[in-house]
Amino acid sequence: MNKKSDHYRNQSKDSRQDPLDTYIDKMVEQSRSSSNNNKSSGQAGRIIIAIIIVFIGISFVTGTGFFSSSGPTDVISSVTNMGGPTQDLLDRMGERMVEMGYGDLSDDDLRSLREDGVTATYVSNVRSLGFENLTLDDARRLARADASSTFMAMMIELGYDLTIDDFVQLRDAGVTAYYTSNVHDLGYKDVTPDQLIRMQRIGVSTSLIEELQAQRGEDVPLEDIIRYRISNQ
């Protein structure tokens, strides 16, 4: 009977936590919570320090004073403009455009032109090919169509008397001076710009021309080659 009573007392003692144990557990939990908070604070601190170091490094590279009166604002502005043209480049481009008679263009105008691929050098090169009255709108159209001054010069060298619209249409269709020259070499020196555009759009390759010349003779008309390509697509 005493053994049974002792057993019940032991069970009762095990089921109820001693006040001292409760206090110790509470202190341990608070210690863990404090430790986690310290870790979070430490991580946040490291992130802030890293950001400051990056800003200082950028300010050193760009020559902008991080601790100046304007602070990080100038640094952020410098980073934003790092991919664009410098003010010196815009000034020199503006001066060159004025010399060519395009008036006093604003920095925004110059940036817009450059975004379309129009530079003072490009304008000068196109004008030297006989387009002295080239407008900025035409320059944009040419540049957007990827009609380089080299392409234009080569087409002129191949004997073509083309307008700005012709150059734009040729490049929009994917016609290159290399392709045109190869067609000439195969005996079709009188190929017109319209034929070049049609041939390029339907996929008339120089290898197809050579294949049909081998089958039908070197004097096979170009229109027959175009019709053959269309009927066999």
Protein backbone atom coordinates (compact mmCIF):
# COMPACT_ATOMS: atom_id res chain seq x y z
CA MET A 1 0.00 0.00 0.00
CA ASN A 2 2.81 2.39 0.82
CA LYS A 3 4.55 1.49 -2.41
CA LYS A 4 1.37 2.27 -4.36
CA SER A 5 1.02 5.60 -2.56
CA ASP A 6 4.64 6.47 -3.32
CA HIS A 7 4.05 5.58 -6.94
CA TYR A 8 1.08 7.95 -7.20
CA ARG A 9 3.05 10.72 -5.49
CA ASN A 10 5.88 10.29 -7.98
CA GLN A 11 3.43 10.42 -10.89
CA SER A 12 1.86 13.58 -9.49
CA LYS A 13 5.28 15.19 -9.06
CA ASP A 14 6.25 14.28 -12.65
CA SER A 15 3.02 15.73 -14.08
CA ARG A 16 3.48 19.12 -12.39
CA GLN A 17 6.54 21.26 -13.33
CA ASP A 18 8.50 22.71 -10.48
CA PRO A 19 8.32 26.56 -10.32
CA LEU A 20 12.08 26.73 -10.50
CA ASP A 21 12.07 24.65 -13.66
CA THR A 22 9.44 26.97 -15.16
CA TYR A 23 11.57 30.01 -14.39
CA ILE A 24 14.67 28.40 -15.90
CA ASP A 25 12.76 27.42 -19.07
CA LYS A 26 11.46 30.98 -19.41
CA MET A 27 14.96 32.43 -19.11
CA VAL A 28 16.30 29.98 -21.70
CA GLU A 29 13.53 30.92 -24.13
CA GLN A 30 14.22 34.63 -23.66
CA SER A 31 17.90 34.00 -24.24
CA ARG A 32 17.18 32.18 -27.50
CA SER A 33 14.83 34.94 -28.66
CA SER A 34 17.45 37.58 -27.86
CA SER A 35 20.06 35.60 -29.74
CA ASN A 36 17.85 35.36 -32.84
CA ASN A 37 17.13 39.08 -32.71
CA ASN A 38 20.83 39.81 -32.44
CA LYS A 39 21.48 37.62 -35.47
CA SER A 40 18.80 39.47 -37.47
CA SER A 41 20.19 42.82 -36.38
CA GLY A 42 23.68 41.69 -37.30
CA GLN A 43 22.55 40.62 -40.78
CA ALA A 44 20.72 43.91 -41.33
CA GLY A 45 23.79 45.79 -40.19
CA ARG A 46 26.02 43.91 -42.60
CA ILE A 47 23.63 44.65 -45.48
CA ILE A 48 23.60 48.38 -44.67
CA ILE A 49 27.40 48.47 -44.47
CA ALA A 50 27.67 46.64 -47.81
CA ILE A 51 25.35 49.17 -49.47
CA ILE A 52 27.38 52.08 -48.10
CA ILE A 53 30.62 50.51 -49.36
CA VAL A 54 29.11 50.06 -52.84
CA PHE A 55 27.97 53.69 -52.95
CA ILE A 56 31.38 54.92 -51.80
CA GLY A 57 33.10 52.77 -54.43
CA ILE A 58 30.84 54.08 -57.19
CA SER A 59 31.36 57.67 -56.07
CA PHE A 60 35.12 57.12 -56.21
CA VAL A 61 34.93 55.67 -59.74
CA THR A 62 32.54 58.32 -61.08
CA GLY A 63 34.21 61.20 -59.26
CA THR A 64 31.01 62.07 -57.40
CA GLY A 65 31.39 63.01 -53.75
CA PHE A 66 29.27 60.62 -51.72
CA PHE A 67 29.54 62.82 -48.65
CA SER A 68 28.99 66.09 -50.54
CA SER A 69 25.96 68.29 -50.01
CA SER A 70 24.01 66.35 -52.62
CA GLY A 71 25.00 63.02 -51.07
CA PRO A 72 23.99 59.71 -52.68
CA THR A 73 21.64 61.41 -55.15
CA ASP A 74 24.50 62.33 -57.48
CA VAL A 75 25.87 58.82 -57.24
CA ILE A 76 22.54 57.27 -58.20
CA SER A 77 22.23 59.75 -61.06
CA SER A 78 25.72 58.86 -62.25
CA VAL A 79 24.93 55.16 -62.21
CA THR A 80 21.70 55.74 -64.15
CA ASN A 81 23.53 57.67 -66.88
CA MET A 82 26.56 55.40 -67.14
CA GLY A 83 25.11 53.57 -70.18
CA GLY A 84 24.28 56.76 -72.11
CA PRO A 85 26.39 59.30 -73.99
CA THR A 86 28.48 61.66 -71.91
CA GLN A 87 27.81 65.37 -71.93
CA ASP A 88 31.09 65.93 -73.75
CA LEU A 89 30.02 63.54 -76.50
CA LEU A 90 26.64 65.25 -76.82
CA ASP A 91 28.33 68.66 -77.01
CA ARG A 92 30.69 67.54 -79.76
CA MET A 93 27.85 65.88 -81.70
CA GLY A 94 25.75 69.02 -81.37
CA GLU A 95 28.57 71.19 -82.68
CA ARG A 96 29.08 68.87 -85.67
CA MET A 97 25.37 68.84 -86.47
CA VAL A 98 25.31 72.64 -86.40
CA GLU A 99 28.24 72.71 -88.82
CA MET A 100 26.23 70.50 -91.19
CA GLY A 101 23.27 72.88 -91.00
CA TYR A 102 20.90 71.03 -88.68
CA GLY A 103 20.47 73.87 -86.21
CA ASP A 104 21.03 73.95 -82.48
CA LEU A 105 19.68 70.61 -81.25
CA SER A 106 18.92 70.04 -77.59
CA ASP A 107 20.57 67.28 -75.58
CA ASP A 108 17.28 65.37 -75.64
CA ASP A 109 17.16 65.67 -79.46
CA LEU A 110 20.70 64.35 -79.72
CA ARG A 111 20.00 61.46 -77.33
CA SER A 112 16.90 60.56 -79.33
CA LEU A 113 18.88 60.53 -82.57
CA ARG A 114 21.57 58.32 -81.05
CA GLU A 115 18.96 55.90 -79.73
CA ASP A 116 17.83 55.42 -83.34
CA GLY A 117 21.42 54.89 -84.44
CA VAL A 118 21.97 58.34 -85.91
CA THR A 119 25.31 59.93 -85.12
CA ALA A 120 27.07 62.93 -86.59
CA THR A 121 29.49 60.57 -88.35
CA TYR A 122 26.63 58.57 -89.86
CA VAL A 123 24.92 61.71 -91.13
CA SER A 124 28.19 62.99 -92.58
CA ASN A 125 28.88 59.68 -94.36
CA VAL A 126 25.41 59.51 -95.91
CA ARG A 127 25.63 63.11 -97.05
CA SER A 128 28.98 62.38 -98.69
CA LEU A 129 27.25 59.79 -100.90
CA GLY A 130 25.30 62.54 -102.63
CA PHE A 131 22.50 63.13 -100.12
CA GLU A 132 23.50 66.63 -99.00
CA ASN A 133 19.87 67.53 -98.29
CA LEU A 134 19.40 64.56 -95.96
CA THR A 135 16.76 65.32 -93.32
CA LEU A 136 16.97 64.02 -89.79
CA ASP A 137 13.75 62.07 -90.35
CA ASP A 138 15.32 60.35 -93.37
CA ALA A 139 18.46 59.67 -91.35
CA ARG A 140 16.30 58.02 -88.68
CA ARG A 141 14.51 55.91 -91.27
CA LEU A 142 17.77 54.72 -92.77
CA ALA A 143 19.31 53.93 -89.40
CA ARG A 144 16.22 52.10 -88.16
CA ALA A 145 16.26 49.96 -91.32
CA ASP A 146 19.95 49.21 -90.65
CA ALA A 147 20.98 50.85 -93.92
CA SER A 148 24.59 51.59 -93.12
CA SER A 149 26.57 54.09 -95.12
CA THR A 150 28.79 51.18 -96.22
CA PHE A 151 25.79 49.30 -97.63
CA MET A 152 24.64 52.41 -99.45
CA ALA A 153 28.12 53.04 -100.88
CA MET A 154 28.43 49.44 -102.10
CA MET A 155 25.04 49.50 -103.82
CA ILE A 156 26.03 52.73 -105.56
CA GLU A 157 29.31 51.07 -106.56
CA LEU A 158 27.32 48.18 -108.07
CA GLY A 159 25.61 50.68 -110.37
CA TYR A 160 22.38 51.49 -108.58
CA ASP A 161 20.93 55.00 -108.50
CA LEU A 162 18.72 54.73 -105.44
CA THR A 163 16.61 57.05 -103.33
CA ILE A 164 16.35 57.07 -99.56
CA ASP A 165 13.08 55.12 -99.87
CA ASP A 166 14.81 52.53 -102.08
CA PHE A 167 17.56 51.95 -99.53
CA VAL A 168 15.03 51.61 -96.71
CA GLN A 169 12.89 49.12 -98.67
CA LEU A 170 15.90 47.04 -99.67
CA ARG A 171 17.15 46.73 -96.12
CA ASP A 172 13.67 46.11 -94.72
CA ALA A 173 13.48 43.14 -97.10
CA GLY A 174 16.88 41.87 -95.97
CA VAL A 175 18.78 42.68 -99.17
CA THR A 176 22.53 43.09 -98.65
CA ALA A 177 25.26 44.35 -100.95
CA TYR A 178 26.93 40.94 -100.63
CA TYR A 179 23.82 39.15 -101.92
CA THR A 180 23.40 41.66 -104.75
CA SER A 181 27.04 41.29 -105.77
CA ASN A 182 26.74 37.48 -105.84
CA VAL A 183 23.65 37.71 -108.07
CA HIS A 184 25.62 39.98 -110.40
CA ASP A 185 28.48 37.46 -110.46
CA LEU A 186 26.04 34.79 -111.64
CA GLY A 187 25.31 36.89 -114.73
CA TYR A 188 22.36 39.01 -113.62
CA LYS A 189 23.91 42.47 -113.53
CA ASP A 190 20.62 44.04 -114.60
CA VAL A 191 18.69 42.75 -111.59
CA THR A 192 16.41 45.53 -110.39
CA PRO A 193 15.82 46.64 -106.78
CA ASP A 194 12.25 45.29 -107.00
CA GLN A 195 13.56 41.90 -108.13
CA LEU A 196 16.10 41.85 -105.34
CA ILE A 197 13.35 42.54 -102.81
CA ARG A 198 11.09 39.81 -104.26
CA MET A 199 13.96 37.31 -104.40
CA GLN A 200 14.98 37.97 -100.83
CA ARG A 201 11.42 37.79 -99.51
CA ILE A 202 10.65 34.42 -101.11
CA GLY A 203 14.09 32.97 -100.39
CA VAL A 204 15.84 32.81 -103.75
CA SER A 205 19.37 31.90 -102.70
CA THR A 206 22.40 32.07 -104.94
CA SER A 207 22.76 28.30 -104.56
CA LEU A 208 19.25 27.86 -106.05
CA ILE A 209 20.23 30.09 -108.97
CA GLU A 210 23.34 27.98 -109.55
CA GLU A 211 21.29 24.77 -109.38
CA LEU A 212 18.78 25.98 -111.98
CA GLN A 213 21.56 27.29 -114.21
CA ALA A 214 23.13 23.82 -114.15
CA GLN A 215 19.78 22.28 -115.15
CA ARG A 216 18.53 24.85 -117.69
CA GLY A 217 21.59 26.74 -118.78
CA GLU A 218 23.31 29.83 -117.49
CA ASP A 219 20.95 32.10 -119.44
CA VAL A 220 17.83 31.00 -117.53
CA PRO A 221 15.77 34.18 -117.02
CA LEU A 222 15.66 35.55 -113.50
CA GLU A 223 11.86 35.73 -113.63
CA ASP A 224 11.78 31.97 -114.33
CA ILE A 225 13.89 31.41 -111.24
CA ILE A 226 11.53 33.55 -109.17
CA ARG A 227 8.48 31.65 -110.50
CA TYR A 228 10.20 28.33 -109.83
CA ARG A 229 10.85 29.33 -106.23
CA ILE A 230 7.25 30.46 -105.73
CA SER A 231 5.81 27.22 -107.19
CA ASN A 232 8.09 25.05 -105.06
CA GLN A 233 7.60 26.61 -101.68
